[in-house]
Protein backbone atom coordinates (compact mmCIF):
# COMPACT_ATOMS: atom_id res chain seq x y z
CA MET A 1 -22.20 17.06 -20.64
CA ASP A 2 -25.65 17.80 -19.15
CA ALA A 3 -25.43 14.41 -17.45
CA ILE A 4 -22.35 15.67 -15.58
CA LEU A 5 -24.18 18.79 -14.44
CA LYS A 6 -27.04 16.60 -13.26
CA GLU A 7 -24.63 14.41 -11.28
CA ILE A 8 -23.05 17.43 -9.57
CA ARG A 9 -26.45 18.78 -8.55
CA ALA A 10 -27.54 15.37 -7.27
CA ASN A 11 -24.51 14.79 -5.05
CA PRO A 12 -25.79 15.20 -1.45
CA TYR A 13 -22.41 16.25 -0.08
CA LEU A 14 -21.99 18.97 -2.71
CA LYS A 15 -25.55 20.19 -2.10
CA LEU A 16 -24.79 20.50 1.58
CA ILE A 17 -21.51 22.40 1.20
CA THR A 18 -22.73 24.60 -1.66
CA ARG A 19 -25.61 25.80 0.54
CA GLN A 20 -23.12 26.63 3.27
CA LEU A 21 -20.66 28.40 0.93
CA ASN A 22 -23.43 30.50 -0.63
CA LYS A 23 -23.84 32.23 2.75
CA TYR A 24 -20.47 33.94 2.19
CA PRO A 25 -19.51 36.63 -0.37
CA GLN A 26 -16.28 34.88 -1.40
CA GLU A 27 -15.92 33.21 -4.78
CA SER A 28 -15.86 29.42 -4.44
CA TYR A 29 -14.82 26.76 -6.95
CA LEU A 30 -14.76 22.99 -6.90
CA VAL A 31 -11.29 21.91 -8.08
CA GLY A 32 -8.92 18.93 -8.05
CA GLY A 33 -9.75 15.25 -8.44
CA TYR A 34 -13.55 15.34 -8.24
CA PRO A 35 -14.12 17.35 -11.45
CA ARG A 36 -11.55 15.18 -13.23
CA ASP A 37 -13.28 11.97 -12.11
CA LEU A 38 -16.65 13.31 -13.28
CA PHE A 39 -15.37 13.47 -16.83
CA LEU A 40 -13.70 10.07 -16.46
CA LYS A 41 -17.00 8.65 -15.14
CA ARG A 42 -15.11 7.11 -12.23
CA LYS A 43 -17.40 5.96 -9.44
CA LYS A 44 -15.92 6.37 -5.97
CA GLU A 45 -17.17 4.93 -2.72
CA VAL A 46 -15.40 7.60 -0.64
CA PHE A 47 -15.63 11.25 -1.66
CA ASP A 48 -12.92 13.88 -1.20
CA PHE A 49 -13.70 17.43 -2.31
CA ASP A 50 -11.31 20.36 -2.82
CA PHE A 51 -12.64 23.90 -2.79
CA ALA A 52 -10.69 27.01 -3.83
CA LEU A 53 -11.94 30.20 -2.17
CA SER A 54 -11.05 33.81 -2.94
CA SER A 55 -10.22 34.47 0.76
CA ASP A 56 -10.74 33.41 4.40
CA ALA A 57 -10.79 29.68 3.64
CA VAL A 58 -9.72 28.68 7.15
CA LYS A 59 -12.27 30.96 8.82
CA ILE A 60 -15.08 29.76 6.56
CA GLY A 61 -14.09 26.12 6.88
CA ARG A 62 -14.06 26.38 10.68
CA GLU A 63 -17.50 28.02 10.76
CA ILE A 64 -19.00 25.41 8.41
CA ALA A 65 -17.49 22.59 10.46
CA LYS A 66 -18.96 24.08 13.63
CA SER A 67 -22.36 24.47 11.97
CA LEU A 68 -22.34 20.84 10.77
CA LYS A 69 -20.74 19.51 13.99
CA SER A 70 -17.87 18.01 12.03
CA GLY A 71 -14.17 17.44 12.62
CA PHE A 72 -11.86 20.27 11.61
CA VAL A 73 -8.09 20.70 11.21
CA VAL A 74 -5.89 23.46 9.80
CA LEU A 75 -3.59 21.92 7.18
CA ASP A 76 -1.51 24.98 6.31
CA LYS A 77 -2.17 28.24 8.13
CA GLU A 78 0.30 30.23 6.01
CA HIS A 79 -1.40 29.28 2.75
CA GLY A 80 -4.94 29.27 4.13
CA SER A 81 -5.74 25.57 3.92
CA CYS A 82 -7.97 23.46 6.17
CA ARG A 83 -9.98 20.24 6.19
CA MET A 84 -13.43 19.34 7.46
CA VAL A 85 -14.21 15.66 8.07
CA TYR A 86 -17.93 15.02 7.68
CA ASN A 87 -19.60 11.83 8.91
CA LYS A 88 -23.21 10.82 8.43
CA GLY A 89 -24.90 7.43 8.42
CA GLY A 90 -21.61 5.58 8.57
CA GLN A 91 -20.28 7.43 5.51
CA SER A 92 -17.32 9.77 5.75
CA CYS A 93 -15.83 12.32 3.38
CA ASN A 94 -13.27 15.12 3.47
CA PHE A 95 -13.86 18.73 2.45
CA ASP A 96 -10.68 20.77 1.91
CA PHE A 97 -10.91 24.57 1.74
CA THR A 98 -7.95 26.59 0.45
CA ASP A 99 -7.38 30.24 -0.43
CA PHE A 100 -6.59 31.00 -4.07
CA ARG A 101 -2.95 30.39 -4.86
CA GLY A 102 -0.88 33.11 -6.47
CA SER A 103 -1.27 36.85 -6.19
CA SER A 104 -3.20 39.63 -7.90
CA ALA A 105 -3.86 43.07 -6.49
CA SER A 106 -7.32 43.15 -8.08
CA THR A 107 -8.79 40.41 -5.90
CA ILE A 108 -9.91 40.36 -2.27
CA GLY A 109 -7.85 37.32 -1.26
CA GLY A 110 -4.71 38.22 -3.18
CA GLY A 111 -5.33 35.84 -6.08
CA ASP A 112 -7.82 34.69 -8.72
CA ILE A 113 -9.07 31.35 -9.90
CA LEU A 114 -7.12 31.37 -13.18
CA THR A 115 -3.85 32.00 -11.35
CA ASP A 116 -4.79 29.30 -8.86
CA LEU A 117 -5.42 26.74 -11.59
CA SER A 118 -2.18 27.69 -13.37
CA LEU A 119 -0.25 26.60 -10.26
CA ARG A 120 -1.74 23.11 -10.11
CA ASP A 121 0.28 20.00 -10.87
CA PHE A 122 -1.14 18.44 -14.03
CA THR A 123 -3.63 19.59 -16.60
CA ILE A 124 -6.10 16.83 -15.72
CA ASN A 125 -6.33 18.38 -12.23
CA SER A 126 -6.69 21.96 -13.48
CA LEU A 127 -10.48 22.01 -13.97
CA GLY A 128 -12.57 24.45 -11.96
CA LEU A 129 -16.35 24.41 -11.39
CA ASP A 130 -17.92 27.72 -10.38
CA LEU A 131 -20.27 26.87 -7.51
CA ARG A 132 -21.98 30.29 -7.57
CA ALA A 133 -23.05 29.71 -11.18
CA LEU A 134 -24.31 26.21 -10.49
CA GLY A 135 -27.91 27.18 -9.69
CA LYS A 136 -28.68 28.94 -12.98
CA ALA A 137 -26.47 26.82 -15.23
CA LYS A 138 -28.17 25.05 -18.16
CA ASN A 139 -25.05 23.25 -19.32
CA ILE A 140 -21.79 22.16 -17.70
CA LYS A 141 -20.01 24.74 -19.87
CA ASP A 142 -21.76 27.46 -17.87
CA VAL A 143 -19.80 26.53 -14.74
CA LEU A 144 -16.66 24.91 -16.20
CA ILE A 145 -13.22 26.53 -16.38
CA ASP A 146 -10.79 24.62 -18.59
CA LYS A 147 -7.96 26.96 -19.52
CA TYR A 148 -5.16 24.37 -19.75
CA GLY A 149 -6.67 21.63 -21.91
CA ALA A 150 -7.78 19.34 -19.08
CA ILE A 151 -10.70 17.78 -20.96
CA LYS A 152 -8.50 17.07 -23.97
CA ASP A 153 -5.88 15.32 -21.82
CA ILE A 154 -8.53 13.43 -19.86
CA LYS A 155 -9.99 12.09 -23.12
CA SER A 156 -6.57 11.15 -24.52
CA GLY A 157 -5.30 9.72 -21.21
CA ASN A 158 -2.32 12.03 -20.84
CA ILE A 159 -0.42 13.15 -17.74
CA ARG A 160 0.91 16.62 -18.61
CA VAL A 161 2.31 19.34 -16.34
CA VAL A 162 0.40 22.62 -16.30
CA SER A 163 3.68 24.56 -16.46
CA ASP A 164 7.40 23.86 -16.78
CA SER A 165 7.90 24.94 -13.16
CA SER A 166 5.31 22.53 -11.76
CA LEU A 167 7.74 19.77 -10.74
CA ARG A 168 10.40 22.20 -9.56
CA ASP A 169 7.91 23.97 -7.29
CA ASP A 170 6.82 20.71 -5.66
CA PRO A 171 9.05 17.70 -6.49
CA LEU A 172 6.54 15.28 -4.93
CA ARG A 173 4.54 15.84 -8.10
CA ILE A 174 7.13 13.66 -9.86
CA LEU A 175 5.88 10.67 -7.88
CA ARG A 176 2.27 11.84 -8.23
CA ALA A 177 2.68 11.64 -12.01
CA TYR A 178 3.33 7.92 -11.63
CA SER A 179 0.56 7.36 -9.10
CA LEU A 180 -1.97 9.09 -11.36
CA SER A 181 -0.67 7.10 -14.32
CA ALA A 182 -1.07 3.83 -12.40
CA VAL A 183 -4.47 4.59 -10.87
CA LEU A 184 -6.03 6.08 -14.01
CA ASP A 185 -4.10 3.96 -16.55
CA PHE A 186 -2.83 7.15 -18.24
CA LYS A 187 0.46 7.80 -20.06
CA ILE A 188 2.99 10.43 -19.01
CA GLU A 189 3.59 12.57 -22.10
CA PRO A 190 7.18 13.13 -23.40
CA LYS A 191 7.79 16.70 -22.20
CA THR A 192 6.64 15.82 -18.68
CA ARG A 193 8.94 12.78 -18.75
CA SER A 194 11.86 15.07 -19.63
CA LEU A 195 11.02 17.36 -16.73
CA ILE A 196 10.82 14.35 -14.39
CA LYS A 197 14.38 13.34 -15.34
CA LYS A 198 15.53 16.94 -14.94
CA TYR A 199 14.16 17.36 -11.41
CA LYS A 200 14.31 13.77 -10.08
CA ASP A 201 17.18 14.60 -7.70
CA LYS A 202 14.87 16.96 -5.80
CA ILE A 203 12.25 14.36 -4.92
CA THR A 204 13.79 13.45 -1.57
CA SER A 205 13.37 17.06 -0.45
CA SER A 206 9.70 16.11 0.02
CA ALA A 207 8.53 14.72 3.35
CA TYR A 208 8.83 10.94 3.34
CA GLU A 209 5.27 10.63 4.66
CA ARG A 210 4.11 12.23 1.41
CA ILE A 211 6.44 10.04 -0.68
CA SER A 212 5.10 6.95 1.06
CA GLU A 213 1.48 7.93 0.40
CA GLU A 214 2.04 8.30 -3.35
CA LEU A 215 4.11 5.12 -3.47
CA PHE A 216 1.31 3.12 -1.86
CA LYS A 217 -1.26 4.57 -4.26
CA ILE A 218 0.85 2.98 -7.00
CA LEU A 219 1.18 -0.31 -5.13
CA ASN A 220 -2.55 -0.50 -4.50
CA SER A 221 -3.35 -0.02 -8.19
CA LYS A 222 -3.38 -2.81 -10.77
CA LYS A 223 -0.44 -1.23 -12.61
CA ALA A 224 2.30 -1.27 -9.96
CA PHE A 225 4.72 -3.30 -12.08
CA ILE A 226 4.37 -0.95 -15.07
CA ALA A 227 4.72 2.14 -12.87
CA PHE A 228 7.79 0.74 -11.08
CA LYS A 229 9.44 -0.07 -14.42
CA ASP A 230 8.64 3.45 -15.57
CA MET A 231 10.17 4.93 -12.40
CA ASP A 232 13.18 2.69 -12.85
CA ASP A 233 13.72 3.88 -16.43
CA SER A 234 13.66 7.53 -15.33
CA GLY A 235 15.91 7.00 -12.30
CA VAL A 236 13.18 7.99 -9.82
CA LEU A 237 13.09 4.60 -8.08
CA ASP A 238 16.79 4.83 -7.17
CA LYS A 239 16.15 8.16 -5.48
CA ILE A 240 13.30 6.83 -3.33
CA ILE A 241 14.84 3.43 -2.49
CA PRO A 242 18.61 3.70 -3.10
CA GLU A 243 19.17 0.27 -1.50
CA ILE A 244 17.90 -1.43 -4.67
CA LYS A 245 20.99 -0.39 -6.67
CA SER A 246 23.02 -3.23 -5.17
CA MET A 247 20.68 -5.84 -6.73
CA ARG A 248 21.58 -4.93 -10.29
CA LYS A 249 23.74 -7.37 -12.26
CA VAL A 250 23.97 -9.80 -9.33
CA ASN A 251 23.77 -13.12 -11.15
CA GLN A 252 22.22 -16.15 -9.53
CA GLY A 253 22.55 -19.90 -9.96
CA PRO A 254 21.17 -22.17 -12.70
CA TYR A 255 17.69 -22.22 -11.14
CA HIS A 256 17.36 -18.53 -12.12
CA HIS A 257 17.14 -16.90 -15.53
CA LEU A 258 17.38 -13.32 -14.25
CA ASP A 259 19.73 -11.34 -12.04
CA VAL A 260 18.48 -10.40 -8.56
CA TYR A 261 17.10 -7.01 -9.62
CA ARG A 262 15.16 -8.25 -12.63
CA HIS A 263 13.97 -11.26 -10.62
CA CYS A 264 12.42 -8.94 -8.01
CA PHE A 265 10.71 -6.96 -10.76
CA GLU A 266 9.39 -10.21 -12.20
CA ALA A 267 8.11 -11.23 -8.75
CA LEU A 268 6.16 -7.96 -8.62
CA ARG A 269 4.65 -8.67 -12.04
CA GLN A 270 3.80 -12.25 -11.09
CA ILE A 271 2.13 -11.33 -7.82
CA GLU A 272 -0.10 -8.82 -9.62
CA ARG A 273 -1.06 -11.55 -12.08
CA LEU A 274 -1.68 -13.96 -9.20
CA PHE A 275 -4.04 -11.49 -7.53
CA GLU A 276 -6.07 -11.35 -10.75
CA GLU A 277 -6.17 -15.15 -10.97
CA LEU A 278 -7.47 -15.37 -7.41
CA LYS A 279 -10.22 -12.75 -7.81
CA ARG A 280 -12.99 -15.29 -7.33
CA TYR A 281 -11.73 -16.37 -3.90
CA GLY A 282 -13.54 -14.20 -1.38
CA ASP A 283 -11.35 -15.02 1.62
CA ILE A 284 -8.18 -14.12 -0.24
CA GLN A 285 -9.63 -10.89 -1.62
CA SER A 286 -10.90 -9.84 1.81
CA PHE A 287 -7.42 -10.52 3.17
CA LEU A 288 -5.73 -8.47 0.42
CA ASN A 289 -8.17 -5.57 0.82
CA ARG A 290 -7.60 -5.36 4.56
CA ILE A 291 -6.29 -1.97 5.72
CA VAL A 292 -2.95 -2.27 7.51
CA SER A 293 -2.51 1.42 8.28
CA GLY A 294 -4.15 4.63 7.02
CA THR A 295 -5.02 3.90 3.38
CA HIS A 296 -2.33 1.22 2.94
CA THR A 297 -3.77 -2.20 2.17
CA LYS A 298 -2.35 -5.68 2.64
CA ARG A 299 -2.39 -5.97 -1.17
CA ALA A 300 -0.07 -2.99 -1.53
CA LEU A 301 2.23 -4.14 1.25
CA LEU A 302 2.54 -7.59 -0.29
CA LYS A 303 3.49 -6.10 -3.66
CA PHE A 304 6.15 -4.03 -1.90
CA SER A 305 7.40 -7.21 -0.23
CA ALA A 306 7.58 -8.98 -3.60
CA PHE A 307 9.75 -6.19 -5.00
CA LEU A 308 12.09 -6.23 -1.99
CA HIS A 309 12.06 -9.92 -1.01
CA ASP A 310 15.60 -10.70 -2.26
CA ILE A 311 17.25 -7.37 -1.40
CA GLY A 312 19.54 -9.22 1.04
CA LYS A 313 21.10 -11.39 -1.70
CA PRO A 314 23.91 -9.05 -2.87
CA VAL A 315 25.39 -8.87 0.64
CA SER A 316 24.90 -12.62 1.22
CA ARG A 317 26.28 -13.84 -2.11
CA GLU A 318 29.17 -16.30 -1.93
CA ARG A 319 30.60 -19.07 -4.06
CA ILE A 320 31.00 -22.47 -2.41
CA LYS A 321 32.58 -25.23 -4.54
CA ASP A 322 31.58 -23.59 -7.82
CA LYS A 323 28.04 -23.05 -6.53
CA ILE A 324 26.54 -19.58 -5.99
CA CYS A 325 24.84 -19.38 -2.57
CA PHE A 326 22.88 -16.73 -0.69
CA HIS A 327 22.78 -18.23 2.79
CA GLY A 328 20.94 -16.03 5.29
CA HIS A 329 19.73 -13.54 2.68
CA GLU A 330 16.25 -13.59 4.20
CA ARG A 331 17.63 -12.33 7.52
CA THR A 332 19.89 -9.75 5.85
CA GLY A 333 17.02 -8.64 3.61
CA ARG A 334 14.70 -8.23 6.58
CA ASN A 335 17.22 -5.90 8.22
CA ILE A 336 17.65 -3.81 5.05
CA VAL A 337 13.87 -3.53 4.61
CA ARG A 338 13.57 -2.36 8.21
CA GLY A 339 15.67 0.66 7.29
CA ILE A 340 13.58 1.35 4.18
CA ALA A 341 10.32 1.08 6.16
CA GLU A 342 11.64 3.45 8.82
CA ARG A 343 12.68 6.04 6.24
CA LEU A 344 9.26 5.82 4.55
CA ARG A 345 7.63 6.38 7.96
CA LEU A 346 5.59 3.18 7.72
CA SER A 347 3.53 2.22 10.76
CA ASN A 348 4.61 -0.41 13.28
CA ASP A 349 1.99 -2.80 11.89
CA GLU A 350 3.42 -2.41 8.39
CA ARG A 351 6.98 -2.87 9.62
CA ASN A 352 6.06 -6.01 11.55
CA ALA A 353 4.29 -7.43 8.49
CA LEU A 354 7.28 -6.73 6.23
CA ASP A 355 9.55 -8.35 8.81
CA LYS A 356 7.60 -11.60 8.75
CA ILE A 357 7.05 -11.72 4.99
CA ILE A 358 10.69 -11.10 4.06
CA PHE A 359 12.13 -13.33 6.77
CA TRP A 360 9.90 -16.35 6.09
CA HIS A 361 9.56 -16.11 2.30
CA LEU A 362 11.67 -19.26 1.73
CA ARG A 363 9.72 -21.43 4.17
CA PRO A 364 6.90 -22.58 1.81
CA GLY A 365 9.53 -23.84 -0.62
CA TYR A 366 11.01 -26.05 2.08
CA LEU A 367 7.54 -27.37 2.94
CA ALA A 368 6.82 -28.16 -0.71
CA ASP A 369 10.08 -30.16 -0.91
CA LEU A 370 9.02 -32.46 1.94
CA LYS A 371 7.89 -35.93 0.84
CA ASP A 372 5.45 -36.06 3.74
CA LEU A 373 4.10 -32.71 4.93
CA SER A 374 3.30 -33.49 8.54
CA ARG A 375 0.73 -31.75 10.73
CA ARG A 376 3.59 -30.68 12.97
CA ALA A 377 5.42 -28.95 10.08
CA VAL A 378 2.20 -27.15 9.10
CA TYR A 379 1.56 -26.12 12.70
CA ARG A 380 5.06 -24.67 13.03
CA PHE A 381 4.69 -22.74 9.77
CA PHE A 382 1.47 -21.10 10.93
CA ARG A 383 2.94 -20.53 14.41
CA ASP A 384 5.96 -18.68 12.99
CA THR A 385 4.26 -16.68 10.21
CA GLN A 386 1.16 -15.92 12.32
CA ASN A 387 -1.17 -13.40 10.64
CA GLU A 388 1.14 -13.11 7.60
CA ALA A 389 0.93 -16.79 6.62
CA VAL A 390 -1.18 -16.03 3.53
CA SER A 391 1.16 -13.21 2.51
CA VAL A 392 4.18 -15.52 2.73
CA LEU A 393 2.42 -18.25 0.72
CA LEU A 394 1.28 -15.92 -2.08
CA LEU A 395 4.73 -14.34 -2.30
CA SER A 396 6.26 -17.82 -2.51
CA ILE A 397 4.09 -18.65 -5.54
CA ALA A 398 5.09 -15.39 -7.27
CA ASP A 399 8.75 -16.00 -6.37
CA GLN A 400 8.64 -19.52 -7.82
CA ARG A 401 6.96 -18.31 -11.02
CA SER A 402 9.76 -15.76 -11.41
CA THR A 403 12.42 -18.50 -11.30
CA ARG A 404 12.77 -20.15 -14.71
CA GLY A 405 16.41 -21.19 -15.02
CA PRO A 406 17.59 -24.34 -16.86
CA LEU A 407 17.32 -26.48 -13.70
CA THR A 408 13.71 -25.54 -12.87
CA ARG A 409 10.98 -28.08 -13.62
CA GLY A 410 7.33 -27.40 -14.42
CA ALA A 411 6.16 -30.34 -12.30
CA ASN A 412 7.98 -28.97 -9.27
CA ARG A 413 6.40 -25.55 -9.75
CA LYS A 414 2.93 -27.08 -10.06
CA HIS A 415 3.44 -29.10 -6.86
CA HIS A 416 4.75 -26.01 -5.07
CA GLU A 417 1.67 -24.00 -5.99
CA GLU A 418 -0.67 -26.81 -4.95
CA VAL A 419 0.99 -27.00 -1.52
CA CYS A 420 0.88 -23.22 -1.05
CA LEU A 421 -2.78 -22.87 -2.05
CA ALA A 422 -3.74 -25.84 0.14
CA LEU A 423 -2.08 -24.09 3.07
CA VAL A 424 -3.92 -20.86 2.23
CA ARG A 425 -7.22 -22.74 2.38
CA ASP A 426 -6.11 -24.38 5.63
CA PHE A 427 -5.31 -20.97 7.12
CA PHE A 428 -8.79 -19.57 6.42
CA LYS A 429 -10.43 -22.78 7.60
CA LYS A 430 -8.54 -22.67 10.90
CA SER A 431 -9.25 -18.95 11.33
CA LYS A 432 -13.00 -19.74 11.36
CA GLU A 433 -12.71 -22.60 13.84
CA LYS A 434 -12.93 -22.21 17.59
CA LYS A 435 -9.52 -21.99 19.18
CA LEU A 436 -8.45 -24.96 21.27
CA VAL A 437 -8.82 -24.42 25.00
CA LYS A 438 -5.39 -24.54 26.61
CA LEU A 439 -4.80 -27.71 28.60
CA LEU A 440 -2.16 -26.19 30.88
CA ASP A 441 -0.89 -22.83 32.04
CA GLY A 442 2.19 -21.73 33.91
CA ASN A 443 0.55 -22.12 37.33
CA ASP A 444 -0.23 -25.78 36.56
CA LEU A 445 3.43 -26.47 35.81
CA ILE A 446 4.67 -24.62 38.89
CA ALA A 447 2.26 -26.51 41.15
CA GLU A 448 2.82 -29.94 39.58
CA PHE A 449 6.62 -29.89 39.27
CA LYS A 450 7.57 -27.34 41.96
CA LEU A 451 9.19 -25.08 39.36
CA GLU A 452 10.40 -21.52 39.73
CA PRO A 453 9.18 -18.98 37.15
CA GLY A 454 11.57 -18.94 34.18
CA PRO A 455 12.15 -19.73 30.49
CA ILE A 456 11.62 -23.47 30.96
CA ILE A 457 7.92 -22.88 31.66
CA GLY A 458 7.39 -21.14 28.33
CA LYS A 459 9.30 -23.88 26.55
CA LEU A 460 7.16 -26.63 28.10
CA LEU A 461 3.90 -24.78 27.39
CA ALA A 462 4.87 -24.27 23.73
CA ALA A 463 5.64 -27.97 23.33
CA VAL A 464 2.33 -28.98 24.95
CA GLU A 465 0.39 -26.51 22.79
CA GLU A 466 1.99 -27.93 19.64
CA ALA A 467 1.24 -31.51 20.67
CA HIS A 468 -2.36 -30.54 21.43
CA ALA A 469 -2.76 -28.81 18.05
CA VAL A 470 -1.56 -31.84 16.08
CA GLY A 471 -3.60 -34.28 18.17
CA ASP A 472 -0.80 -36.01 20.10
CA VAL A 473 -2.32 -35.02 23.45
CA ARG A 474 -6.03 -34.60 24.14
CA ASP A 475 -6.50 -33.89 27.84
CA LYS A 476 -4.78 -32.39 30.87
CA ALA A 477 -3.42 -35.70 32.12
CA GLN A 478 -1.70 -36.39 28.79
CA ALA A 479 -0.41 -32.82 28.71
CA LEU A 480 1.14 -33.17 32.17
CA ALA A 481 2.68 -36.50 31.21
CA LEU A 482 4.30 -34.89 28.15
CA ALA A 483 5.51 -31.93 30.22
CA LYS A 484 7.06 -34.31 32.76
CA LYS A 485 8.84 -36.24 30.04
CA LEU A 486 10.24 -33.06 28.48
CA LEU A 487 11.23 -31.66 31.86
CA ASN A 488 13.18 -34.81 32.77
CA LYS A 489 14.91 -34.61 29.40
CA GLU A 490 15.88 -30.99 30.08
CA ARG A 491 17.24 -31.87 33.51
CA ARG A 492 19.45 -34.61 32.04
CA LYS A 493 21.17 -32.13 29.74
């Protein structure tokens, strides 16, 4: 444990804030995720620190932020909570200061640290480190408060509520139980599971921004499939995304071995496995780690897409000549997912990405079925999927792996994957090449053919750009000749 004390004392951010806090008479404790992660020996690139103060947290936080010339925001004035954002040398971290929770007439701020810790969500987050005792401490035990068995649960890998009222007091903690379980690879213990089922109906009383944040922590972990299955078993998933209920027991054709709901779960499992298989490919990993919005990565968004990719099938299902069909389910699914994304308060960038991934997820399968995959077909795929081409291709592989009905063939699946991965490589290769200089613009067409501005100009330019990209035209003269040919064809219609 002395090693932990040494690590606390060596942390430059903690040194800085402890010096500042020691200028004030208030009690101050380091609480939350940082003490937990110390005992888990989890190394983090970005630090977030939570401090519990006996009183005046907002006032003190504001003064420290001013002294250190850092960003400052009040998070909850009523409960005395604020955040300081500290930047130095390109590194950034958050310091949250909050008044003790609870009440006690014997303390200055109306509470004490033991009451504060008793009101926390789970035992693993109920540790407190006394910053005032840090200087003279010879052992971590001299500064550590562990009244609720945090160390025991950390060692055994258990998610356990501090009290029976924990989930009732803040239903978002239900989802946090799963995010902690996924991120830390911990198990939710039986009594906490029972309380989750008891209070699951209350989860949507939480702000959807908060729900979304916990959901994406799960999706960005390596255990999203397990966590989603866990949430499904407890009924929590239905509360967050009620649209998924319609996928249950919707049988598919002989190419599938699972109903729509279980197929989407399998696609989530397969895409997580695929990400592990592709770990050695730097371009793909950089793509997956890209931040789309806030803390939400492309990796997480793609997993979400895998889980929802066939959500349009129940509405689209029809039987034609003894054959089950789902014509247009990609369009229907895109529209359903738009509603889900709006409710979860996802950013415009995330919504646009989901739109493209869901709508085009069948396209790679069509390309793989072509006997001769032409440059023009490849160009049109990249033109339509744009910056989500890799997402669509990886989802297609996971989708295909999740389809193992009696009519599926291993050779077809192998060919499909080869085509998809070749297109992924092509995408990254093209992204590093210089873009082709446009041979024509709208003014050229107007001057050459005496056209009025209108849709025909855009149509001609798109056709010329495609021909240039696949090598059918190489200079301005050839581009104009093609434009003239297409224009005459349009005029004959």
